[in-house]
Amino acid sequence: MALTSQIVPLARTYHASCLVGRFMVVLGGEAALLADLQDVWALDLETARWTQLTFTNMEAFHAKRFHTASAVS
């Protein structure tokens, strides 16, 4: 699968991810030489496009690493 977007998340470790429909959602983690990441990304598995997700009151979403994520239908 080739990426069709130029905007991609930073490479990271210690993140959490889960599948939600056709999207792989990635939360937080740690980037090289940076502090813990406070972001949420979704990869559309059909188009190979990354989208950074933002939410109301995003400042309440604290940086995370060594955590888990799950989707419940």
PDB file of N, CA and C in Angstrom:
ATOM      1  N   MET A   1       0.843  -1.168   0.000  1.00  0.00           N
ATOM      2  CA  MET A   1       0.000   0.000   0.000  1.00  0.00           C
ATOM      3  C   MET A   1       0.892   1.237   0.000  1.00  0.00           C
ATOM      4  N   ALA A   2       0.702   2.128  -0.937  1.00  0.00           N
ATOM      5  CA  ALA A   2       1.470   3.376  -1.006  1.00  0.00           C
ATOM      6  C   ALA A   2       0.664   4.496  -0.367  1.00  0.00           C
ATOM      7  N   LEU A   3       1.344   5.347   0.379  1.00  0.00           N
ATOM      8  CA  LEU A   3       0.659   6.486   0.979  1.00  0.00           C
ATOM      9  C   LEU A   3       0.299   7.490  -0.104  1.00  0.00           C
ATOM     10  N   THR A   4      -0.921   8.012  -0.041  1.00  0.00           N
ATOM     11  CA  THR A   4      -1.359   8.974  -1.041  1.00  0.00           C
ATOM     12  C   THR A   4      -1.379  10.389  -0.480  1.00  0.00           C
ATOM     13  N   SER A   5      -0.955  10.580   0.742  1.00  0.00           N
ATOM     14  CA  SER A   5      -0.953  11.890   1.372  1.00  0.00           C
ATOM     15  C   SER A   5       0.459  12.239   1.809  1.00  0.00           C
ATOM     16  N   GLN A   6       0.782  13.523   1.783  1.00  0.00           N
ATOM     17  CA  GLN A   6       2.091  13.969   2.239  1.00  0.00           C
ATOM     18  C   GLN A   6       2.116  14.188   3.742  1.00  0.00           C
ATOM     19  N   ILE A   7       0.966  14.290   4.373  1.00  0.00           N
ATOM     20  CA  ILE A   7       0.886  14.531   5.808  1.00  0.00           C
ATOM     21  C   ILE A   7       0.818  13.175   6.514  1.00  0.00           C
ATOM     22  N   VAL A   8       1.818  12.893   7.311  1.00  0.00           N
ATOM     23  CA  VAL A   8       1.873  11.625   8.038  1.00  0.00           C
ATOM     24  C   VAL A   8       2.281  11.899   9.483  1.00  0.00           C
ATOM     25  N   PRO A   9       1.901  11.024  10.393  1.00  0.00           N
ATOM     26  CA  PRO A   9       2.306  11.222  11.783  1.00  0.00           C
ATOM     27  C   PRO A   9       3.794  10.951  11.964  1.00  0.00           C
ATOM     28  N   LEU A  10       4.341  11.496  13.048  1.00  0.00           N
ATOM     29  CA  LEU A  10       5.729  11.202  13.394  1.00  0.00           C
ATOM     30  C   LEU A  10       5.891   9.713  13.672  1.00  0.00           C
ATOM     31  N   ALA A  11       7.049   9.172  13.336  1.00  0.00           N
ATOM     32  CA  ALA A  11       7.359   7.795  13.733  1.00  0.00           C
ATOM     33  C   ALA A  11       7.344   7.749  15.251  1.00  0.00           C
ATOM     34  N   ARG A  12       6.857   6.652  15.822  1.00  0.00           N
ATOM     35  CA  ARG A  12       6.689   6.598  17.275  1.00  0.00           C
ATOM     36  C   ARG A  12       6.799   5.188  17.817  1.00  0.00           C
ATOM     37  N   THR A  13       6.990   5.116  19.108  1.00  0.00           N
ATOM     38  CA  THR A  13       6.953   3.855  19.848  1.00  0.00           C
ATOM     39  C   THR A  13       5.984   4.031  21.000  1.00  0.00           C
ATOM     40  N   TYR A  14       5.622   2.941  21.634  1.00  0.00           N
ATOM     41  CA  TYR A  14       4.789   2.931  22.846  1.00  0.00           C
ATOM     42  C   TYR A  14       3.413   3.562  22.643  1.00  0.00           C
ATOM     43  N   HIS A  15       2.895   3.545  21.426  1.00  0.00           N
ATOM     44  CA  HIS A  15       1.574   4.084  21.133  1.00  0.00           C
ATOM     45  C   HIS A  15       0.511   3.004  21.305  1.00  0.00           C
ATOM     46  N   ALA A  16      -0.730   3.396  21.198  1.00  0.00           N
ATOM     47  CA  ALA A  16      -1.834   2.442  21.164  1.00  0.00           C
ATOM     48  C   ALA A  16      -2.528   2.601  19.816  1.00  0.00           C
ATOM     49  N   SER A  17      -3.080   1.517  19.312  1.00  0.00           N
ATOM     50  CA  SER A  17      -3.828   1.603  18.058  1.00  0.00           C
ATOM     51  C   SER A  17      -4.937   0.558  18.064  1.00  0.00           C
ATOM     52  N   CYS A  18      -5.961   0.828  17.265  1.00  0.00           N
ATOM     53  CA  CYS A  18      -7.042  -0.144  17.112  1.00  0.00           C
ATOM     54  C   CYS A  18      -7.734   0.106  15.775  1.00  0.00           C
ATOM     55  N   LEU A  19      -8.451  -0.893  15.320  1.00  0.00           N
ATOM     56  CA  LEU A  19      -9.200  -0.782  14.078  1.00  0.00           C
ATOM     57  C   LEU A  19     -10.618  -0.328  14.389  1.00  0.00           C
ATOM     58  N   VAL A  20     -11.069   0.674  13.633  1.00  0.00           N
ATOM     59  CA  VAL A  20     -12.444   1.163  13.728  1.00  0.00           C
ATOM     60  C   VAL A  20     -12.963   1.204  12.306  1.00  0.00           C
ATOM     61  N   GLY A  21     -13.751   0.213  11.941  1.00  0.00           N
ATOM     62  CA  GLY A  21     -14.210   0.126  10.559  1.00  0.00           C
ATOM     63  C   GLY A  21     -13.026  -0.026   9.625  1.00  0.00           C
ATOM     64  N   ARG A  22     -12.927   0.875   8.659  1.00  0.00           N
ATOM     65  CA  ARG A  22     -11.808   0.808   7.699  1.00  0.00           C
ATOM     66  C   ARG A  22     -10.629   1.672   8.119  1.00  0.00           C
ATOM     67  N   PHE A  23     -10.630   2.150   9.348  1.00  0.00           N
ATOM     68  CA  PHE A  23      -9.581   3.037   9.844  1.00  0.00           C
ATOM     69  C   PHE A  23      -8.746   2.375  10.921  1.00  0.00           C
ATOM     70  N   MET A  24      -7.430   2.623  10.877  1.00  0.00           N
ATOM     71  CA  MET A  24      -6.559   2.270  11.981  1.00  0.00           C
ATOM     72  C   MET A  24      -6.304   3.571  12.737  1.00  0.00           C
ATOM     73  N   VAL A  25      -6.714   3.612  13.992  1.00  0.00           N
ATOM     74  CA  VAL A  25      -6.574   4.815  14.808  1.00  0.00           C
ATOM     75  C   VAL A  25      -5.359   4.633  15.715  1.00  0.00           C
ATOM     76  N   VAL A  26      -4.484   5.643  15.730  1.00  0.00           N
ATOM     77  CA  VAL A  26      -3.243   5.613  16.512  1.00  0.00           C
ATOM     78  C   VAL A  26      -3.293   6.755  17.519  1.00  0.00           C
ATOM     79  N   LEU A  27      -3.037   6.419  18.791  1.00  0.00           N
ATOM     80  CA  LEU A  27      -3.093   7.412  19.863  1.00  0.00           C
ATOM     81  C   LEU A  27      -1.744   7.538  20.557  1.00  0.00           C
ATOM     82  N   GLY A  28      -1.262   8.766  20.662  1.00  0.00           N
ATOM     83  CA  GLY A  28      -0.089   9.071  21.471  1.00  0.00           C
ATOM     84  C   GLY A  28       1.147   8.275  21.127  1.00  0.00           C
ATOM     85  N   GLY A  29       1.933   8.030  22.141  1.00  0.00           N
ATOM     86  CA  GLY A  29       3.196   7.323  21.994  1.00  0.00           C
ATOM     87  C   GLY A  29       4.362   8.238  22.322  1.00  0.00           C
ATOM     88  N   GLU A  30       5.524   7.839  21.866  1.00  0.00           N
ATOM     89  CA  GLU A  30       6.741   8.611  22.115  1.00  0.00           C
ATOM     90  C   GLU A  30       7.528   8.686  20.819  1.00  0.00           C
ATOM     91  N   ALA A  31       7.957   9.888  20.448  1.00  0.00           N
ATOM     92  CA  ALA A  31       8.777  10.075  19.249  1.00  0.00           C
ATOM     93  C   ALA A  31      10.228  10.254  19.665  1.00  0.00           C
ATOM     94  N   ALA A  32      11.142   9.916  18.771  1.00  0.00           N
ATOM     95  CA  ALA A  32      12.573  10.033  19.068  1.00  0.00           C
ATOM     96  C   ALA A  32      12.915  11.458  19.476  1.00  0.00           C
ATOM     97  N   LEU A  33      13.598  11.591  20.593  1.00  0.00           N
ATOM     98  CA  LEU A  33      14.083  12.866  21.113  1.00  0.00           C
ATOM     99  C   LEU A  33      12.974  13.849  21.474  1.00  0.00           C
ATOM    100  N   LEU A  34      11.734  13.406  21.511  1.00  0.00           N
ATOM    101  CA  LEU A  34      10.625  14.277  21.886  1.00  0.00           C
ATOM    102  C   LEU A  34       9.952  13.740  23.136  1.00  0.00           C
ATOM    103  N   ALA A  35       9.143  14.552  23.719  1.00  0.00           N
ATOM    104  CA  ALA A  35       8.353  14.103  24.869  1.00  0.00           C
ATOM    105  C   ALA A  35       7.222  13.206  24.386  1.00  0.00           C
ATOM    106  N   ASP A  36       6.406  12.770  25.315  1.00  0.00           N
ATOM    107  CA  ASP A  36       5.233  11.968  24.956  1.00  0.00           C
ATOM    108  C   ASP A  36       4.345  12.754  23.995  1.00  0.00           C
ATOM    109  N   LEU A  37       3.753  12.044  23.055  1.00  0.00           N
ATOM    110  CA  LEU A  37       2.919  12.680  22.035  1.00  0.00           C
ATOM    111  C   LEU A  37       1.477  12.806  22.510  1.00  0.00           C
ATOM    112  N   GLN A  38       0.866  13.902  22.140  1.00  0.00           N
ATOM    113  CA  GLN A  38      -0.520  14.198  22.534  1.00  0.00           C
ATOM    114  C   GLN A  38      -1.347  14.338  21.264  1.00  0.00           C
ATOM    115  N   ASP A  39      -1.343  13.295  20.420  1.00  0.00           N
ATOM    116  CA  ASP A  39      -2.062  13.389  19.162  1.00  0.00           C
ATOM    117  C   ASP A  39      -2.822  12.108  18.863  1.00  0.00           C
ATOM    118  N   VAL A  40      -3.758  12.229  17.913  1.00  0.00           N
ATOM    119  CA  VAL A  40      -4.571  11.093  17.468  1.00  0.00           C
ATOM    120  C   VAL A  40      -4.605  11.147  15.950  1.00  0.00           C
ATOM    121  N   TRP A  41      -4.287  10.032  15.310  1.00  0.00           N
ATOM    122  CA  TRP A  41      -4.278   9.936  13.853  1.00  0.00           C
ATOM    123  C   TRP A  41      -5.143   8.767  13.404  1.00  0.00           C
ATOM    124  N   ALA A  42      -5.679   8.869  12.198  1.00  0.00           N
ATOM    125  CA  ALA A  42      -6.440   7.766  11.601  1.00  0.00           C
ATOM    126  C   ALA A  42      -5.908   7.509  10.199  1.00  0.00           C
ATOM    127  N   LEU A  43      -5.630   6.250   9.910  1.00  0.00           N
ATOM    128  CA  LEU A  43      -5.207   5.843   8.570  1.00  0.00           C
ATOM    129  C   LEU A  43      -6.378   5.151   7.894  1.00  0.00           C
ATOM    130  N   ASP A  44      -6.845   5.715   6.781  1.00  0.00           N
ATOM    131  CA  ASP A  44      -7.896   5.088   5.985  1.00  0.00           C
ATOM    132  C   ASP A  44      -7.238   3.940   5.226  1.00  0.00           C
ATOM    133  N   LEU A  45      -7.602   2.721   5.550  1.00  0.00           N
ATOM    134  CA  LEU A  45      -6.950   1.554   4.961  1.00  0.00           C
ATOM    135  C   LEU A  45      -7.343   1.323   3.507  1.00  0.00           C
ATOM    136  N   GLU A  46      -8.387   1.996   3.030  1.00  0.00           N
ATOM    137  CA  GLU A  46      -8.773   1.868   1.623  1.00  0.00           C
ATOM    138  C   GLU A  46      -8.046   2.867   0.735  1.00  0.00           C
ATOM    139  N   THR A  47      -7.769   4.058   1.259  1.00  0.00           N
ATOM    140  CA  THR A  47      -7.125   5.090   0.441  1.00  0.00           C
ATOM    141  C   THR A  47      -5.680   5.356   0.850  1.00  0.00           C
ATOM    142  N   ALA A  48      -5.244   4.783   1.967  1.00  0.00           N
ATOM    143  CA  ALA A  48      -3.893   4.983   2.512  1.00  0.00           C
ATOM    144  C   ALA A  48      -3.621   6.444   2.851  1.00  0.00           C
ATOM    145  N   ARG A  49      -4.643   7.164   3.284  1.00  0.00           N
ATOM    146  CA  ARG A  49      -4.505   8.571   3.683  1.00  0.00           C
ATOM    147  C   ARG A  49      -4.557   8.695   5.197  1.00  0.00           C
ATOM    148  N   TRP A  50      -3.610   9.464   5.729  1.00  0.00           N
ATOM    149  CA  TRP A  50      -3.590   9.787   7.149  1.00  0.00           C
ATOM    150  C   TRP A  50      -4.375  11.066   7.395  1.00  0.00           C
ATOM    151  N   THR A  51      -5.093  11.115   8.507  1.00  0.00           N
ATOM    152  CA  THR A  51      -5.793  12.315   8.946  1.00  0.00           C
ATOM    153  C   THR A  51      -5.517  12.501  10.424  1.00  0.00           C
ATOM    154  N   GLN A  52      -5.097  13.719  10.798  1.00  0.00           N
ATOM    155  CA  GLN A  52      -4.926  14.001  12.224  1.00  0.00           C
ATOM    156  C   GLN A  52      -6.278  14.413  12.775  1.00  0.00           C
ATOM    157  N   LEU A  53      -6.693  13.749  13.849  1.00  0.00           N
ATOM    158  CA  LEU A  53      -7.987  14.017  14.451  1.00  0.00           C
ATOM    159  C   LEU A  53      -7.833  15.027  15.582  1.00  0.00           C
ATOM    160  N   THR A  54      -8.768  15.933  15.673  1.00  0.00           N
ATOM    161  CA  THR A  54      -8.807  16.874  16.785  1.00  0.00           C
ATOM    162  C   THR A  54     -10.209  16.835  17.382  1.00  0.00           C
ATOM    163  N   PHE A  55     -10.287  17.158  18.639  1.00  0.00           N
ATOM    164  CA  PHE A  55     -11.544  17.091  19.359  1.00  0.00           C
ATOM    165  C   PHE A  55     -11.752  18.373  20.150  1.00  0.00           C
ATOM    166  N   THR A  56     -13.002  18.657  20.467  1.00  0.00           N
ATOM    167  CA  THR A  56     -13.295  19.751  21.376  1.00  0.00           C
ATOM    168  C   THR A  56     -12.612  19.456  22.704  1.00  0.00           C
ATOM    169  N   ASN A  57     -12.000  20.455  23.293  1.00  0.00           N
ATOM    170  CA  ASN A  57     -11.312  20.302  24.570  1.00  0.00           C
ATOM    171  C   ASN A  57     -10.114  19.347  24.446  1.00  0.00           C
ATOM    172  N   MET A  58      -9.401  19.439  23.334  1.00  0.00           N
ATOM    173  CA  MET A  58      -8.255  18.557  23.078  1.00  0.00           C
ATOM    174  C   MET A  58      -7.179  18.710  24.150  1.00  0.00           C
ATOM    175  N   GLU A  59      -7.092  19.889  24.796  1.00  0.00           N
ATOM    176  CA  GLU A  59      -6.075  20.079  25.831  1.00  0.00           C
ATOM    177  C   GLU A  59      -6.309  19.158  27.024  1.00  0.00           C
ATOM    178  N   ALA A  60      -7.510  18.620  27.173  1.00  0.00           N
ATOM    179  CA  ALA A  60      -7.791  17.675  28.261  1.00  0.00           C
ATOM    180  C   ALA A  60      -7.264  16.274  27.937  1.00  0.00           C
ATOM    181  N   PHE A  61      -6.899  16.038  26.674  1.00  0.00           N
ATOM    182  CA  PHE A  61      -6.320  14.760  26.256  1.00  0.00           C
ATOM    183  C   PHE A  61      -4.823  14.826  26.521  1.00  0.00           C
ATOM    184  N   HIS A  62      -4.377  14.201  27.574  1.00  0.00           N
ATOM    185  CA  HIS A  62      -2.986  14.275  27.978  1.00  0.00           C
ATOM    186  C   HIS A  62      -2.121  13.323  27.156  1.00  0.00           C
ATOM    187  N   ALA A  63      -0.871  13.692  26.983  1.00  0.00           N
ATOM    188  CA  ALA A  63       0.074  12.841  26.269  1.00  0.00           C
ATOM    189  C   ALA A  63       0.102  11.460  26.912  1.00  0.00           C
ATOM    190  N   LYS A  64       0.243  10.446  26.076  1.00  0.00           N
ATOM    191  CA  LYS A  64       0.177   9.075  26.569  1.00  0.00           C
ATOM    192  C   LYS A  64       1.257   8.207  25.941  1.00  0.00           C
ATOM    193  N   ARG A  65       1.708   7.230  26.702  1.00  0.00           N
ATOM    194  CA  ARG A  65       2.519   6.129  26.173  1.00  0.00           C
ATOM    195  C   ARG A  65       2.310   4.939  27.100  1.00  0.00           C
ATOM    196  N   PHE A  66       2.620   3.761  26.625  1.00  0.00           N
ATOM    197  CA  PHE A  66       2.393   2.518  27.372  1.00  0.00           C
ATOM    198  C   PHE A  66       0.928   2.385  27.784  1.00  0.00           C
ATOM    199  N   HIS A  67       0.003   2.628  26.854  1.00  0.00           N
ATOM    200  CA  HIS A  67      -1.415   2.557  27.156  1.00  0.00           C
ATOM    201  C   HIS A  67      -2.084   1.620  26.149  1.00  0.00           C
ATOM    202  N   THR A  68      -3.374   1.435  26.265  1.00  0.00           N
ATOM    203  CA  THR A  68      -4.109   0.555  25.371  1.00  0.00           C
ATOM    204  C   THR A  68      -5.287   1.302  24.772  1.00  0.00           C
ATOM    205  N   ALA A  69      -5.805   0.742  23.697  1.00  0.00           N
ATOM    206  CA  ALA A  69      -7.002   1.296  23.044  1.00  0.00           C
ATOM    207  C   ALA A  69      -7.822   0.123  22.532  1.00  0.00           C
ATOM    208  N   SER A  70      -9.121   0.280  22.541  1.00  0.00           N
ATOM    209  CA  SER A  70      -9.992  -0.749  21.976  1.00  0.00           C
ATOM    210  C   SER A  70     -11.243  -0.089  21.435  1.00  0.00           C
ATOM    211  N   ALA A  71     -11.833  -0.722  20.443  1.00  0.00           N
ATOM    212  CA  ALA A  71     -13.068  -0.240  19.853  1.00  0.00           C
ATOM    213  C   ALA A  71     -14.187  -1.216  20.205  1.00  0.00           C
ATOM    214  N   VAL A  72     -15.311  -0.694  20.581  1.00  0.00           N
ATOM    215  CA  VAL A  72     -16.453  -1.524  20.942  1.00  0.00           C
ATOM    216  C   VAL A  72     -17.581  -1.185  19.983  1.00  0.00           C
ATOM    217  N   SER A  73     -18.134  -2.220  19.351  1.00  0.00           N
ATOM    218  CA  SER A  73     -19.230  -1.960  18.414  1.00  0.00           C
ATOM    219  C   SER A  73     -20.565  -2.245  19.031  1.00  0.00           C
TER     220      SER A  73
END
